[in-house]
Protein backbone atom coordinates (compact mmCIF):
# COMPACT_ATOMS: atom_id res chain seq x y z
CA MET A 1 99.54 175.61 109.07
CA THR A 2 96.46 177.75 108.33
CA LYS A 3 93.05 176.85 109.67
CA LYS A 4 91.95 176.07 106.11
CA ASN A 5 94.84 173.67 105.55
CA LEU A 6 94.32 172.11 108.96
CA TYR A 7 90.65 171.57 108.18
CA SER A 8 91.47 170.02 104.81
CA SER A 9 93.98 167.70 106.42
CA LEU A 10 91.46 166.60 109.00
CA VAL A 11 88.88 165.90 106.30
CA VAL A 12 91.35 163.82 104.30
CA ALA A 13 92.42 161.91 107.41
CA THR A 14 88.81 161.25 108.36
CA VAL A 15 87.98 159.98 104.87
CA LEU A 16 91.04 157.72 104.88
CA LEU A 17 90.09 156.40 108.31
CA LEU A 18 86.55 155.69 107.20
CA LEU A 19 87.82 153.94 104.08
CA ALA A 20 90.19 151.89 106.19
CA CYS A 21 87.47 150.93 108.61
CA SER A 22 85.20 150.06 105.70
CA GLY A 23 87.94 147.88 104.23
CA MET A 24 88.53 146.21 107.58
CA LYS A 25 84.85 145.49 107.92
CA SER A 26 84.70 144.13 104.39
CA GLN A 27 87.72 141.93 105.06
CA SER A 28 86.19 140.71 108.31
CA VAL A 29 83.00 139.68 106.50
CA LYS A 30 85.05 137.95 103.83
CA THR A 31 86.96 135.99 106.45
CA SER A 32 83.76 135.13 108.27
CA ASP A 33 82.17 133.99 105.01
CA ALA A 34 85.20 131.80 104.33
CA LYS A 35 84.76 130.13 107.69
CA ASN A 36 81.13 129.40 106.89
CA THR A 37 81.81 128.12 103.37
CA LYS A 38 81.56 124.39 102.90
CA PRO A 39 84.82 123.08 101.46
CA ASN A 40 85.12 121.00 98.34
CA ILE A 41 86.42 117.56 99.32
CA ILE A 42 88.61 115.37 97.12
CA LEU A 43 89.47 111.88 98.31
CA ILE A 44 92.25 110.31 96.23
CA VAL A 45 92.78 106.58 96.72
CA ALA A 46 95.66 104.63 95.20
CA ASP A 47 95.28 100.87 94.82
CA ASP A 48 97.84 98.55 96.48
CA LEU A 49 100.39 101.35 96.92
CA GLY A 50 103.33 100.45 99.18
CA TYR A 51 104.00 102.46 102.33
CA ALA A 52 107.42 103.58 101.05
CA ASP A 53 106.45 104.18 97.41
CA VAL A 54 105.89 107.94 97.62
CA GLY A 55 108.49 110.60 98.22
CA PHE A 56 106.76 112.04 101.29
CA ASN A 57 107.04 108.62 102.95
CA GLY A 58 110.69 108.10 102.14
CA SER A 59 110.83 106.58 98.66
CA LYS A 60 114.40 106.39 97.38
CA ASP A 61 113.75 105.30 93.81
CA ILE A 62 110.19 106.32 92.86
CA ILE A 63 109.61 110.06 92.46
CA THR A 64 106.20 111.59 93.19
CA PRO A 65 106.72 115.37 92.90
CA GLU A 66 103.04 116.36 92.73
CA LEU A 67 102.00 114.34 95.75
CA ASP A 68 105.07 115.52 97.64
CA LYS A 69 104.18 119.18 97.04
CA LEU A 70 100.72 118.64 98.50
CA ALA A 71 102.10 116.64 101.41
CA LYS A 72 104.73 119.30 102.17
CA ALA A 73 102.07 122.00 102.17
CA GLY A 74 99.80 119.84 104.35
CA THR A 75 99.98 117.32 107.17
CA VAL A 76 101.28 113.78 106.70
CA CYS A 77 99.63 111.07 108.81
CA SER A 78 102.41 108.61 109.60
CA SER A 79 100.20 106.16 111.56
CA ALA A 80 97.27 105.90 109.17
CA TYR A 81 95.24 102.71 108.85
CA VAL A 82 92.45 101.33 106.69
CA ALA A 83 89.61 99.07 107.82
CA HIS A 84 90.81 95.95 106.02
CA PRO A 85 93.96 94.78 104.21
CA PHE A 86 92.05 94.07 100.97
CA CYS A 87 90.55 96.39 98.35
CA GLY A 88 86.80 95.81 98.52
CA PRO A 89 86.31 95.65 102.29
CA SER A 90 88.67 98.60 102.75
CA ARG A 91 86.61 100.74 100.37
CA ALA A 92 83.40 99.57 102.00
CA GLY A 93 84.73 100.77 105.34
CA LEU A 94 85.89 104.06 103.87
CA LEU A 95 82.49 104.98 102.38
CA THR A 96 80.28 103.59 105.18
CA GLY A 97 82.40 104.66 108.15
CA ARG A 98 82.06 101.14 109.61
CA TYR A 99 84.14 98.01 109.78
CA PRO A 100 82.93 95.90 106.83
CA HIS A 101 82.83 92.82 109.07
CA GLU A 102 79.82 94.32 110.83
CA PHE A 103 77.57 94.21 107.77
CA GLY A 104 78.77 91.08 106.01
CA SER A 105 81.25 92.64 103.58
CA GLN A 106 84.52 91.30 104.98
CA PHE A 107 85.50 89.69 101.66
CA ASN A 108 86.12 91.09 98.20
CA LEU A 109 83.12 90.70 95.96
CA PRO A 110 83.93 87.81 93.60
CA ALA A 111 85.08 88.75 90.11
CA ASN A 112 82.15 89.25 87.72
CA SER A 113 79.99 89.34 90.84
CA GLU A 114 76.88 90.37 88.94
CA LYS A 115 76.73 86.75 87.81
CA SER A 116 77.72 85.00 91.03
CA VAL A 117 76.44 87.25 93.82
CA GLY A 118 73.85 89.64 92.43
CA GLN A 119 74.28 92.23 95.13
CA GLY A 120 76.69 94.64 96.76
CA ILE A 121 77.21 96.55 100.01
CA PRO A 122 73.92 96.35 101.96
CA LEU A 123 71.56 99.19 101.15
CA SER A 124 71.00 99.65 104.88
CA GLU A 125 74.44 101.28 104.98
CA LYS A 126 74.18 104.91 103.93
CA PHE A 127 77.30 105.98 102.07
CA LEU A 128 79.28 109.14 102.80
CA SER A 129 78.47 110.30 99.28
CA ALA A 130 74.72 110.17 99.99
CA THR A 131 75.11 112.11 103.22
CA LEU A 132 77.15 114.82 101.49
CA LYS A 133 74.74 114.96 98.56
CA GLU A 134 71.86 115.60 100.95
CA SER A 135 73.91 118.45 102.38
CA GLY A 136 74.03 120.15 98.99
CA TYR A 137 77.17 118.65 97.49
CA TYR A 138 77.65 117.72 93.84
CA THR A 139 79.17 114.25 94.06
CA GLY A 140 81.33 112.24 91.70
CA ILE A 141 83.38 109.06 91.55
CA ILE A 142 86.12 108.51 89.01
CA GLY A 143 87.74 105.08 88.72
CA LYS A 144 87.29 101.84 90.62
CA TRP A 145 84.03 100.95 92.39
CA HIS A 146 84.19 97.29 93.56
CA LEU A 147 81.16 97.66 95.84
CA GLY A 148 78.36 96.22 93.73
CA ALA A 149 78.10 95.62 89.98
CA VAL A 150 74.32 95.26 89.63
CA ALA A 151 71.42 97.69 89.48
CA GLY A 152 70.58 99.04 92.90
CA TYR A 153 74.17 98.87 94.14
CA GLU A 154 75.99 101.02 91.60
CA PRO A 155 77.45 104.49 92.32
CA LYS A 156 74.30 106.31 91.17
CA ASP A 157 72.35 104.29 93.74
CA ARG A 158 74.73 105.25 96.57
CA GLY A 159 74.70 109.03 96.35
CA PHE A 160 76.97 109.81 93.39
CA ASP A 161 75.74 112.21 90.71
CA ASP A 162 78.50 111.36 88.26
CA PHE A 163 80.35 108.08 87.67
CA TYR A 164 83.14 107.43 85.20
CA GLY A 165 85.15 104.25 85.54
CA PHE A 166 84.54 100.54 86.08
CA LEU A 167 82.40 98.56 88.50
CA GLY A 168 84.68 95.60 89.19
CA GLY A 169 87.81 95.06 91.25
CA GLY A 170 90.37 95.92 88.59
CA HIS A 171 91.04 96.69 84.96
CA ASN A 172 93.65 96.42 82.24
CA TYR A 173 95.40 99.67 81.34
CA PHE A 174 95.97 99.86 77.57
CA PRO A 175 92.68 100.28 75.64
CA GLU A 176 94.01 98.89 72.36
CA ASP A 177 94.74 95.67 74.26
CA TYR A 178 91.67 95.25 76.45
CA GLN A 179 89.23 96.44 73.78
CA ALA A 180 90.58 93.92 71.28
CA LYS A 181 90.32 91.09 73.81
CA TYR A 182 86.81 92.17 74.74
CA LYS A 183 85.71 92.05 71.08
CA GLN A 184 87.27 88.62 70.70
CA GLN A 185 85.31 87.38 73.72
CA LEU A 186 82.09 88.82 72.35
CA ALA A 187 82.68 87.21 68.96
CA ALA A 188 83.29 83.87 70.65
CA GLY A 189 79.91 84.13 72.37
CA ASN A 190 81.34 84.42 75.87
CA LYS A 191 78.65 85.81 78.15
CA ASN A 192 80.88 85.96 81.21
CA ILE A 193 83.74 88.18 80.04
CA TRP A 194 86.55 88.90 82.49
CA GLU A 195 85.73 92.22 84.18
CA TYR A 196 89.21 93.64 83.56
CA LEU A 197 88.33 93.80 79.85
CA ILE A 198 84.85 95.32 80.04
CA PRO A 199 84.59 98.87 78.58
CA LEU A 200 84.68 101.76 81.01
CA GLN A 201 81.41 103.57 81.47
CA HIS A 202 80.18 107.10 82.08
CA ASN A 203 76.89 107.12 83.94
CA GLY A 204 75.86 103.76 82.55
CA ALA A 205 76.94 104.31 78.94
CA PRO A 206 80.01 102.37 77.69
CA THR A 207 82.90 104.52 76.50
CA GLN A 208 85.54 103.80 73.87
CA GLU A 209 88.71 105.00 75.54
CA LYS A 210 91.87 105.87 73.65
CA ASP A 211 94.09 106.76 76.59
CA TYR A 212 96.09 104.73 79.09
CA LEU A 213 93.73 103.98 81.99
CA THR A 214 95.40 106.17 84.64
CA ASP A 215 95.54 109.12 82.23
CA ALA A 216 91.88 108.57 81.31
CA LEU A 217 90.86 108.64 84.98
CA SER A 218 92.90 111.79 85.57
CA ASP A 219 91.19 113.43 82.59
CA GLY A 220 87.85 112.38 84.05
CA ALA A 221 88.73 114.02 87.36
CA VAL A 222 89.70 117.25 85.59
CA ARG A 223 86.43 117.18 83.63
CA PHE A 224 84.47 116.73 86.86
CA VAL A 225 86.22 119.67 88.53
CA ASN A 226 85.58 121.90 85.51
CA GLU A 227 81.90 120.95 85.48
CA ALA A 228 81.59 121.33 89.24
CA SER A 229 83.03 124.86 89.05
CA LYS A 230 79.95 125.94 87.08
CA LYS A 231 77.52 124.75 89.72
CA GLN A 232 76.49 126.86 92.66
CA LYS A 233 77.37 124.21 95.19
CA PRO A 234 80.43 122.53 96.75
CA PHE A 235 81.59 119.17 95.41
CA PHE A 236 82.82 115.82 96.68
CA LEU A 237 85.10 113.86 94.35
CA TYR A 238 86.15 110.29 95.08
CA LEU A 239 89.09 109.69 92.74
CA ALA A 240 89.75 105.96 92.98
CA TYR A 241 92.74 105.13 90.82
CA ASN A 242 93.41 101.55 89.73
CA ALA A 243 97.18 102.13 89.86
CA PRO A 244 99.44 100.52 90.83
CA HIS A 245 97.19 97.43 91.11
CA THR A 246 98.03 94.56 88.79
CA PRO A 247 98.32 93.90 85.92
CA LEU A 248 101.67 95.66 85.87
CA GLU A 249 101.27 97.84 82.77
CA ALA A 250 103.05 101.18 82.38
CA LYS A 251 103.65 103.60 79.53
CA GLU A 252 107.13 103.30 78.07
CA GLU A 253 107.90 106.99 78.56
CA ASP A 254 107.01 106.72 82.25
CA MET A 255 109.16 103.64 82.70
CA GLN A 256 112.11 105.42 81.07
CA LYS A 257 112.21 107.85 83.99
CA PHE A 258 113.20 104.89 86.16
CA SER A 259 115.82 103.27 83.95
CA ASN A 260 118.07 103.04 87.02
CA ILE A 261 115.68 100.44 88.50
CA LYS A 262 116.91 97.10 87.20
CA ASP A 263 114.04 94.91 88.39
CA LYS A 264 111.41 95.01 85.62
CA ALA A 265 108.43 94.59 87.94
CA ARG A 266 109.65 97.43 90.17
CA ARG A 267 110.40 99.63 87.14
CA THR A 268 106.95 99.02 85.67
CA TYR A 269 105.33 99.63 89.05
CA ALA A 270 107.29 102.89 89.35
CA GLY A 271 105.99 104.05 85.99
CA MET A 272 102.43 103.33 87.12
CA VAL A 273 102.87 105.34 90.31
CA TYR A 274 104.44 108.19 88.34
CA ALA A 275 101.43 108.31 86.00
CA LEU A 276 99.13 108.60 89.02
CA ASP A 277 101.28 111.39 90.42
CA ARG A 278 101.19 113.25 87.12
CA GLY A 279 97.39 113.02 87.13
CA VAL A 280 97.21 114.53 90.61
CA GLY A 281 99.23 117.46 89.29
CA GLU A 282 96.71 117.94 86.47
CA LEU A 283 93.87 117.84 88.98
CA VAL A 284 95.53 120.50 91.14
CA ALA A 285 96.07 122.68 88.04
CA ALA A 286 92.34 122.41 87.26
CA LEU A 287 91.45 123.45 90.80
CA LYS A 288 93.68 126.51 90.51
CA ALA A 289 92.37 127.41 87.04
CA THR A 290 88.79 127.36 88.34
CA ASN A 291 89.65 129.23 91.55
CA GLN A 292 88.69 126.30 93.75
CA TYR A 293 92.10 125.29 95.07
CA ASP A 294 92.07 127.34 98.27
CA ASN A 295 88.69 125.97 99.36
CA THR A 296 89.39 122.33 98.59
CA LEU A 297 90.40 119.68 101.10
CA ILE A 298 92.51 116.99 99.43
CA VAL A 299 93.09 113.70 101.24
CA PHE A 300 95.35 111.03 99.75
CA LEU A 301 95.88 107.41 100.83
CA SER A 302 96.21 103.84 99.63
CA ASP A 303 93.38 101.34 100.06
CA ASN A 304 95.74 98.80 101.68
CA GLY A 305 99.40 97.79 101.75
CA GLY A 306 101.49 96.99 98.70
CA ARG A 307 102.29 93.64 97.10
CA THR A 308 106.03 93.19 97.34
CA ASP A 309 105.79 90.32 94.85
CA GLN A 310 104.46 92.84 92.32
CA GLY A 311 106.96 95.68 92.70
CA ALA A 312 105.81 97.39 95.89
CA ASN A 313 107.91 98.42 98.90
CA ASN A 314 106.38 98.66 102.39
CA PHE A 315 109.62 99.52 104.22
CA PRO A 316 110.08 99.74 107.16
CA LEU A 317 106.86 97.84 107.80
CA ARG A 318 106.53 94.09 108.07
CA GLY A 319 103.96 92.35 105.91
CA VAL A 320 102.12 92.92 102.64
CA LYS A 321 98.63 93.40 101.25
CA GLY A 322 96.34 90.93 103.01
CA ASP A 323 98.32 90.85 106.27
CA THR A 324 97.39 92.29 109.61
CA PHE A 325 101.04 93.12 110.16
CA GLU A 326 101.57 96.85 109.63
CA GLY A 327 102.44 96.36 105.96
CA GLY A 328 98.95 95.08 105.25
CA PHE A 329 96.76 97.91 106.51
CA ARG A 330 99.01 100.84 107.51
CA VAL A 331 99.11 103.19 104.54
CA PRO A 332 100.58 106.47 103.28
CA MET A 333 98.19 109.39 103.91
CA PHE A 334 98.11 113.18 103.98
CA PHE A 335 95.59 116.02 104.40
CA HIS A 336 95.97 119.25 102.43
CA TRP A 337 93.84 122.41 102.64
CA PRO A 338 95.51 125.83 102.38
CA ASN A 339 95.20 127.95 105.54
CA HIS A 340 93.23 125.23 107.32
CA ILE A 341 95.60 122.28 107.70
CA PRO A 342 99.06 122.95 109.21
CA ALA A 343 101.76 122.90 106.55
CA GLY A 344 104.92 120.84 106.83
CA LYS A 345 103.66 118.82 109.80
CA THR A 346 103.57 115.11 110.60
CA TYR A 347 100.69 113.76 112.65
CA SER A 348 102.02 110.64 114.36
CA HIS A 349 98.93 109.59 116.35
CA PRO A 350 96.82 106.73 114.97
CA VAL A 351 94.05 107.61 112.51
CA THR A 352 91.85 105.39 110.38
CA ALA A 353 89.98 105.79 107.10
CA LEU A 354 86.85 105.14 109.19
CA ASP A 355 87.36 108.68 110.49
CA PHE A 356 86.62 110.22 107.08
CA TYR A 357 82.84 109.86 107.31
CA PRO A 358 82.30 111.82 110.57
CA THR A 359 85.13 114.27 109.82
CA PHE A 360 83.98 115.15 106.29
CA ALA A 361 80.35 115.31 107.37
CA ASP A 362 81.25 117.84 110.07
CA LEU A 363 83.21 120.01 107.65
CA ALA A 364 80.31 119.84 105.21
CA LYS A 365 77.78 120.65 107.94
CA ALA A 366 75.99 117.49 106.88
CA ALA A 367 73.45 115.78 109.09
CA ILE A 368 74.37 112.18 109.87
CA PRO A 369 71.21 110.06 110.33
CA LYS A 370 70.54 109.28 113.98
CA ASN A 371 70.41 105.56 113.28
CA LYS A 372 73.70 105.61 111.33
CA LYS A 373 76.37 103.62 113.16
CA LEU A 374 79.95 104.88 112.78
CA ASP A 375 83.16 103.24 113.97
CA GLY A 376 85.39 106.24 113.29
CA LYS A 377 85.42 109.69 114.85
CA ASN A 378 85.71 113.33 113.89
CA ILE A 379 89.46 113.98 114.07
CA TRP A 380 89.54 117.47 112.56
CA LYS A 381 90.40 119.51 115.67
CA ASN A 382 93.00 116.95 116.75
CA LEU A 383 94.55 116.90 113.30
CA VAL A 384 94.84 120.69 113.30
CA ASN A 385 96.25 121.06 116.82
CA GLY A 386 98.32 117.86 116.78
CA SER A 387 96.62 116.15 119.74
CA ASP A 388 95.71 112.47 120.02
CA SER A 389 92.11 111.80 118.99
CA ARG A 390 91.87 108.28 120.45
CA LYS A 391 94.08 107.99 123.52
CA GLY A 392 93.62 104.51 124.92
CA GLU A 393 91.24 103.47 122.13
CA MET A 394 91.85 100.65 119.65
CA ILE A 395 91.91 100.21 115.89
CA PHE A 396 91.21 96.70 114.56
CA ALA A 397 91.85 94.68 111.43
CA MET A 398 90.87 91.11 110.58
CA ARG A 399 91.39 88.97 107.52
CA HIS A 400 89.77 85.54 107.38
CA ARG A 401 91.80 82.71 105.91
CA SER A 402 90.98 79.04 105.50
CA GLY A 403 90.26 77.85 109.05
CA PHE A 404 91.59 80.82 111.04
CA SER A 405 91.99 84.59 110.96
CA ASP A 406 94.74 87.16 110.93
CA VAL A 407 94.06 89.91 113.47
CA GLY A 408 95.75 93.23 114.20
CA VAL A 409 95.05 95.66 117.04
CA ARG A 410 96.61 99.12 117.55
CA GLN A 411 96.35 100.96 120.89
CA ASP A 412 98.58 103.97 121.52
CA GLU A 413 102.18 102.73 121.24
CA TRP A 414 101.12 99.07 121.27
CA LYS A 415 100.40 96.70 118.40
CA ALA A 416 99.08 93.16 118.95
CA THR A 417 99.15 90.82 115.98
CA LYS A 418 98.05 87.29 115.30
CA GLY A 419 99.59 86.64 111.93
CA TYR A 420 99.51 83.91 109.36
CA ASN A 421 99.02 80.62 111.25
CA SER A 422 100.87 81.92 114.32
CA SER A 423 100.28 82.91 117.95
CA TRP A 424 99.61 86.38 119.31
CA LYS A 425 102.56 88.76 119.48
CA LEU A 426 102.95 92.21 121.06
CA TYR A 427 105.12 95.10 119.82
CA ASN A 428 105.89 98.66 120.82
CA ILE A 429 105.07 99.97 117.37
CA ASN A 430 106.50 103.44 117.98
CA GLU A 431 109.91 101.95 118.61
CA ASP A 432 109.57 98.87 116.42
CA MET A 433 107.65 99.65 113.21
CA GLY A 434 108.99 96.46 111.65
CA GLU A 435 107.36 94.26 114.33
CA LYS A 436 110.56 92.36 115.07
CA ASN A 437 110.81 92.39 118.88
CA ASP A 438 107.96 90.44 120.50
CA LEU A 439 107.16 91.84 123.97
CA SER A 440 104.26 89.50 124.81
CA GLN A 441 106.20 87.77 127.61
CA LYS A 442 107.29 91.08 129.10
CA TYR A 443 103.86 92.72 129.02
CA PRO A 444 101.32 89.86 129.19
CA GLU A 445 98.56 91.99 130.74
CA GLN A 446 98.75 94.52 127.91
CA LEU A 447 98.45 91.75 125.33
CA LYS A 448 95.58 90.10 127.22
CA LEU A 449 93.68 93.40 127.30
CA MET A 450 94.06 93.92 123.55
CA VAL A 451 93.11 90.37 122.64
CA LEU A 452 90.01 90.50 124.84
CA GLU A 453 88.96 93.72 123.15
CA ALA A 454 89.51 92.12 119.75
CA GLU A 455 87.33 89.19 120.74
CA LYS A 456 84.64 91.58 121.97
CA TRP A 457 84.84 93.46 118.67
CA SER A 458 84.56 90.21 116.68
CA LYS A 459 81.25 89.41 118.35
CA LYS A 460 79.73 92.38 116.53
CA HIS A 461 80.49 90.72 113.20
CA THR A 462 77.86 89.19 110.96
CA GLU A 463 78.06 86.28 108.57
CA PRO A 464 79.60 87.17 105.19
CA LEU A 465 77.14 87.94 102.43
CA TRP A 466 79.60 86.47 99.92
CA PHE A 467 82.99 84.80 99.77
CA ASP A 468 86.00 85.53 97.63
CA PRO A 469 86.82 82.11 96.20
CA GLU A 470 90.52 82.93 96.35
CA GLU A 471 90.25 83.38 100.11
CA LEU A 472 88.21 80.49 101.39
CA SER A 473 87.84 76.92 100.25
CA LYS A 474 84.43 75.29 99.94
CA VAL A 475 85.45 72.83 102.64
CA TRP A 476 86.16 75.57 105.19
CA LYS A 477 82.88 77.32 104.48
CA GLU A 478 80.83 74.19 104.98
CA LYS A 479 82.77 73.12 108.07
CA ASP A 480 83.16 76.29 110.08
CA MET A 481 80.37 78.72 109.14
CA ALA A 482 78.31 77.49 112.08
CA SER A 483 80.88 79.00 114.44
CA PHE A 484 81.44 82.19 112.47
CA PRO A 485 82.43 84.91 113.36
CA ASN A 486 84.43 83.74 116.37
CA THR A 487 87.08 81.95 114.34
CA PHE A 488 90.12 83.05 116.32
CA LYS A 489 90.95 82.08 119.89
CA ILE A 490 93.01 83.86 122.52
CA ALA A 491 94.95 80.66 123.24
CA ASN A 492 96.20 80.30 119.67
């Protein structure tokens, strides 16, 4: 090789090396920027969904392909709990990061509560949405609220920029049906119309929907994502579906996919779940179309256990919605975020929806007020590396009934339960998810420890700000409120 050719080769090699180094530096900055970027956060909540009613949790007859794809590409939490086995208190815990019993919200707000209660979740409790909004997030809620149906307690008052849905605890699904009934009630002069019939609203303005409710909510979520993509800020979307909460109303074409299910209630319920799943697929497509998919954390769960008398299946768990057996407050859940959450993994350690507030706030680099009390914890690092975030710590649940309370306590492999009008029982929940083999006589000290901790926890509770009339009789309220909240005894 001549000196000239050698020189030329060296020049070319040097240029290529410089270009390579430049590219490496550029890539390094890009990666660093990605680490410093606040993620979009989407929290999808199903209503009264059974533990075994999604494919990723073992469903044999209901198909949920869109949810399953996200779950497979993310991490499934197999021991996930909510703060209460009923809708309203569960959602209150989710958005405040605290057990609802500690601020007087341990009951569902009564139906049409704007007439009977005139309030909602105490304003002293700062919602997750408000904390994220202060950190620069564009915030939205689509669907069910159930946390206050009067001015001062609505979504816009609790940190949400955009609200499309309904304020009450449930809603009918077919607009041609509920709109007609609503007009009939108006014409009859009824000033206290059943909340399931009231028109949906968008930021305070009533809307005249034409679509099946679940489809309308999915469309609203897609609209929000499209609008959020045009803003120079991350977003937080709380997508609170009504499905598969009663009334059992499904589209005929969705029910036809489950013609092999002979039980009508189960078949209708399956169609409702399938519609929800389809909507999640549309939401994911919108994220991809707007180039936001890779930087979006998606968390899915149910607000409590399913109603087996209304088509749900909680197998292999014992109990139903409203119980403190596992079937009442242990729910399907997964986390999905490409390149951030391990794919194809199952996280078997206990987690709770109370963990969302501190975990999301940390990811969003949001400042939690110093006086803000939280009952959950930041589980992000544990979730990613598969370690236990609360070794030795306890998760509680309590549902008040007429004259006594159901209580559930989870600690590591142990579950202590005081169920419907019964004594305390102890189970090794890792080996006995169905809570069939009572070990209280074999491990009395373990049970005593958990019950004492539950009693200590109950002493932090405050008197309810309202009562769900379906839950407590007037007699019980007048008789036992003086001794509230200590309405369960270790000896029972």
